């Protein structure tokens, strides 16, 4: 499949009204703007994204999203705004609604509001990576300093090496790089999403960035404090 500048790459920003750890997190003010606004502004500034859609069940979030320039063509049904609703079920609903009311999209970029410091440049670099091989999803990742060869995991009343005891003999020059998903960017073709029902497909390509701002994924008050500290120091 070819995805070029003429194809539709749609950004979907999932933002439900309730949140467990931080009350009304998606519209709480961070650095003078509601949290969701940071992601909307980055998506709108992307040179590849054709539409920026917010999927929400909440009318206040919808109003704020529209004020910042995003589209909210529908409200998400209540069953997709629960703790048990999966990210893919939300994305699938948004894809189905968009494709029913508009032209079919070729690819989806999921941008979670909890990663407020991902920039339009980050988005465009990730999309550029994706466009080189659109059959493979791209997921934002960061390198971590830990090495699996020397990591231990709890096993009942003792700890065992993750890769087995022999891994402890691995020489430092043979240790492989370890990355983790940072939650900042998810990109996949609509074809592969409908086929595999997940962004996390076995052939995904990592968009690796060690910028500290991309590792800030706001889930609780401690994360929120980190975000506020980042704004002060950046």
Protein backbone atom coordinates (compact mmCIF):
# COMPACT_ATOMS: atom_id res chain seq x y z
CA UNK A 1 0.00 0.00 0.00
CA UNK A 2 1.24 3.46 -0.87
CA UNK A 3 0.56 6.43 1.38
CA UNK A 4 1.60 9.76 -0.05
CA UNK A 5 0.66 13.36 0.45
CA UNK A 6 -2.72 12.84 -1.23
CA UNK A 7 -3.85 10.16 1.19
CA UNK A 8 -5.89 10.91 4.29
CA UNK A 9 -4.05 10.53 7.57
CA UNK A 10 -6.49 11.20 10.38
CA UNK A 11 -5.49 12.01 13.95
CA UNK A 12 -7.77 10.60 16.64
CA UNK A 13 -7.41 11.98 20.16
CA UNK A 14 -9.24 9.83 22.74
CA UNK A 15 -10.41 11.85 25.75
CA UNK A 16 -13.09 10.53 28.06
CA UNK A 17 -14.67 12.63 30.78
CA UNK A 18 -13.88 10.52 33.81
CA UNK A 19 -10.46 9.58 35.10
CA UNK A 20 -9.47 7.56 38.14
CA UNK A 21 -6.36 9.22 39.50
CA UNK A 22 -6.74 12.85 38.39
CA UNK A 23 -10.19 14.42 38.38
CA UNK A 24 -11.19 15.72 34.92
CA UNK A 25 -7.60 15.24 33.81
CA UNK A 26 -8.09 15.96 30.11
CA UNK A 27 -9.27 19.51 30.73
CA UNK A 28 -7.23 20.35 33.81
CA UNK A 29 -5.09 23.41 33.19
CA UNK A 30 -1.42 22.79 32.47
CA UNK A 31 0.77 25.73 31.57
CA UNK A 32 -2.20 27.96 30.87
CA UNK A 33 -4.10 25.51 28.64
CA UNK A 34 -6.33 22.47 29.18
CA UNK A 35 -4.27 19.29 28.97
CA UNK A 36 -5.97 18.16 25.75
CA UNK A 37 -5.15 21.46 24.03
CA UNK A 38 -1.44 20.63 23.90
CA UNK A 39 -2.13 17.56 21.77
CA UNK A 40 -4.72 19.29 19.58
CA UNK A 41 -2.34 22.12 18.75
CA UNK A 42 0.46 19.70 17.83
CA UNK A 43 -1.84 17.66 15.58
CA UNK A 44 -3.20 20.73 13.82
CA UNK A 45 0.33 21.94 13.12
CA UNK A 46 1.35 18.66 11.47
CA UNK A 47 1.97 18.91 7.73
CA UNK A 48 0.70 15.36 7.13
CA UNK A 49 -2.48 15.09 9.23
CA UNK A 50 -5.60 15.95 7.22
CA UNK A 51 -8.18 15.89 10.04
CA UNK A 52 -7.89 16.14 13.82
CA UNK A 53 -10.77 14.41 15.60
CA UNK A 54 -11.43 14.17 19.32
CA UNK A 55 -13.32 11.11 20.53
CA UNK A 56 -15.07 11.94 23.79
CA UNK A 57 -18.21 11.15 25.73
CA UNK A 58 -18.12 14.51 27.50
CA UNK A 59 -19.79 17.69 26.23
CA UNK A 60 -17.42 20.02 28.11
CA UNK A 61 -14.38 18.30 26.61
CA UNK A 62 -16.06 18.47 23.20
CA UNK A 63 -16.62 22.22 23.55
CA UNK A 64 -13.03 22.88 24.63
CA UNK A 65 -11.68 20.66 21.83
CA UNK A 66 -13.69 22.58 19.24
CA UNK A 67 -12.55 25.90 20.71
CA UNK A 68 -8.96 24.81 20.06
CA UNK A 69 -9.73 23.80 16.48
CA UNK A 70 -10.37 20.07 16.65
CA UNK A 71 -13.41 18.34 15.18
CA UNK A 72 -15.88 16.52 17.41
CA UNK A 73 -18.36 15.08 14.88
CA UNK A 74 -20.01 12.76 17.42
CA UNK A 75 -20.01 11.86 21.10
CA UNK A 76 -18.58 8.52 22.11
CA UNK A 77 -21.21 6.08 23.50
CA UNK A 78 -21.09 5.48 27.28
CA UNK A 79 -19.96 1.86 26.93
CA UNK A 80 -16.75 3.10 25.32
CA UNK A 81 -16.03 5.55 28.14
CA UNK A 82 -15.55 2.99 30.92
CA UNK A 83 -12.37 1.70 32.55
CA UNK A 84 -12.83 -1.61 30.73
CA UNK A 85 -13.07 -0.07 27.25
CA UNK A 86 -9.92 -0.76 25.24
CA UNK A 87 -8.03 1.84 23.24
CA UNK A 88 -8.69 -0.12 20.08
CA UNK A 89 -12.45 -0.23 20.67
CA UNK A 90 -12.42 3.57 20.92
CA UNK A 91 -10.30 3.90 17.78
CA UNK A 92 -12.46 1.41 15.88
CA UNK A 93 -15.60 3.35 16.77
CA UNK A 94 -13.98 6.58 15.61
CA UNK A 95 -12.78 4.99 12.36
CA UNK A 96 -16.22 3.56 11.65
CA UNK A 97 -17.94 6.88 12.35
CA UNK A 98 -15.44 8.83 10.27
CA UNK A 99 -15.59 6.42 7.34
CA UNK A 100 -19.38 6.42 7.43
CA UNK A 101 -19.66 10.21 7.29
CA UNK A 102 -16.57 11.15 5.30
CA UNK A 103 -14.20 9.65 2.78
CA UNK A 104 -12.29 6.60 3.90
CA UNK A 105 -9.10 7.33 5.81
CA UNK A 106 -5.87 5.59 4.83
CA UNK A 107 -4.07 5.76 8.16
CA UNK A 108 -4.77 6.69 11.77
CA UNK A 109 -2.53 8.52 14.20
CA UNK A 110 -3.64 8.02 17.81
CA UNK A 111 -2.44 10.86 20.03
CA UNK A 112 -3.19 10.52 23.73
CA UNK A 113 -3.68 13.79 25.65
CA UNK A 114 -1.55 12.37 28.45
CA UNK A 115 1.59 13.06 26.37
CA UNK A 116 1.31 16.85 26.19
CA UNK A 117 4.86 17.67 25.10
CA UNK A 118 4.96 15.68 21.88
CA UNK A 119 5.47 18.32 19.18
CA UNK A 120 4.24 18.61 15.60
CA UNK A 121 7.82 17.89 14.54
CA UNK A 122 7.73 14.62 16.50
CA UNK A 123 4.46 13.70 14.82
CA UNK A 124 5.78 14.49 11.35
CA UNK A 125 9.01 12.56 11.91
CA UNK A 126 7.01 9.53 13.04
CA UNK A 127 4.67 9.80 10.04
CA UNK A 128 7.67 10.12 7.72
CA UNK A 129 9.02 6.87 9.18
CA UNK A 130 5.60 5.25 8.71
CA UNK A 131 5.26 6.37 5.10
CA UNK A 132 8.44 4.49 4.17
CA UNK A 133 6.63 1.20 4.88
CA UNK A 134 2.91 1.73 5.58
CA UNK A 135 2.29 -1.98 6.18
CA UNK A 136 4.14 -1.62 9.48
CA UNK A 137 2.71 0.43 12.37
CA UNK A 138 4.91 3.01 14.09
CA UNK A 139 4.83 3.40 17.86
CA UNK A 140 6.59 6.02 19.99
CA UNK A 141 9.29 4.48 22.18
CA UNK A 142 12.16 5.52 24.42
CA UNK A 143 15.39 3.74 25.28
CA UNK A 144 15.75 2.68 28.89
CA UNK A 145 18.97 2.35 30.84
CA UNK A 146 18.11 -1.05 32.31
CA UNK A 147 19.48 -4.15 30.60
CA UNK A 148 17.29 -7.27 30.53
CA UNK A 149 20.35 -9.48 30.97
CA UNK A 150 20.84 -8.02 34.44
CA UNK A 151 17.21 -7.55 35.44
CA UNK A 152 15.39 -9.71 37.98
CA UNK A 153 11.69 -10.52 38.32
CA UNK A 154 9.78 -11.58 41.41
CA UNK A 155 9.06 -15.30 41.56
CA UNK A 156 7.13 -16.21 44.69
CA UNK A 157 9.56 -15.65 47.59
CA UNK A 158 12.71 -14.95 45.56
CA UNK A 159 13.87 -13.08 42.47
CA UNK A 160 15.13 -14.70 39.29
CA UNK A 161 16.93 -13.23 36.26
CA UNK A 162 14.46 -12.27 33.55
CA UNK A 163 16.54 -14.03 30.86
CA UNK A 164 17.85 -16.84 33.06
CA UNK A 165 20.96 -17.24 35.19
CA UNK A 166 23.26 -17.63 32.20
CA UNK A 167 22.38 -14.09 31.11
CA UNK A 168 24.33 -12.71 34.08
CA UNK A 169 27.51 -13.79 32.31
CA UNK A 170 26.77 -11.62 29.25
CA UNK A 171 29.63 -9.27 28.44
CA UNK A 172 28.71 -5.60 28.36
CA UNK A 173 29.56 -5.21 24.66
CA UNK A 174 27.01 -7.92 23.81
CA UNK A 175 24.13 -6.44 25.75
CA UNK A 176 21.25 -5.43 23.50
CA UNK A 177 19.42 -2.13 23.61
CA UNK A 178 16.06 -2.13 25.44
CA UNK A 179 13.20 0.18 24.55
CA UNK A 180 9.77 0.80 26.03
CA UNK A 181 6.59 2.28 24.62
CA UNK A 182 6.20 5.85 25.89
CA UNK A 183 2.59 6.42 24.82
CA UNK A 184 3.28 9.49 22.70
CA UNK A 185 2.43 8.36 19.15
CA UNK A 186 0.70 5.40 17.53
CA UNK A 187 0.35 5.17 13.73
CA UNK A 188 -1.10 2.41 11.54
CA UNK A 189 -2.93 1.97 8.28
CA UNK A 190 -6.67 1.52 8.65
CA UNK A 191 -6.32 -1.76 6.75
CA UNK A 192 -3.94 -3.25 9.33
CA UNK A 193 -5.97 -1.90 12.25
CA UNK A 194 -9.11 -3.57 10.97
CA UNK A 195 -7.19 -6.78 10.34
CA UNK A 196 -5.22 -7.06 13.58
CA UNK A 197 -7.34 -4.86 15.89
CA UNK A 198 -4.31 -3.28 17.54
CA UNK A 199 -1.48 -0.86 16.86
CA UNK A 200 0.93 -3.20 18.65
CA UNK A 201 1.50 -5.60 15.77
CA UNK A 202 4.51 -7.91 15.70
CA UNK A 203 6.16 -6.04 12.83
CA UNK A 204 5.82 -2.54 14.32
CA UNK A 205 8.62 -0.02 13.92
CA UNK A 206 9.64 2.03 16.98
CA UNK A 207 9.88 5.79 16.65
CA UNK A 208 12.70 6.12 19.15
CA UNK A 209 13.30 9.40 20.89
CA UNK A 210 15.09 10.03 24.15
CA UNK A 211 13.71 13.51 24.61
CA UNK A 212 12.62 13.70 28.25
CA UNK A 213 9.43 15.49 27.22
CA UNK A 214 8.21 12.41 25.31
CA UNK A 215 8.63 10.21 28.36
CA UNK A 216 6.15 12.32 30.33
CA UNK A 217 2.91 10.32 30.27
CA UNK A 218 0.47 11.78 32.79
CA UNK A 219 -1.35 9.11 34.76
CA UNK A 220 -1.29 10.37 38.34
CA UNK A 221 -0.48 13.44 40.43
CA UNK A 222 3.22 12.59 40.50
CA UNK A 223 3.27 12.60 36.71
CA UNK A 224 1.40 15.90 36.71
CA UNK A 225 4.04 17.41 38.98
CA UNK A 226 6.75 16.20 36.60
CA UNK A 227 4.94 17.94 33.74
CA UNK A 228 4.73 21.18 35.68
CA UNK A 229 8.43 20.96 36.57
CA UNK A 230 9.27 20.39 32.91
CA UNK A 231 7.44 23.59 31.94
CA UNK A 232 9.45 25.54 34.48
CA UNK A 233 12.81 24.16 33.39
CA UNK A 234 12.43 23.89 29.61
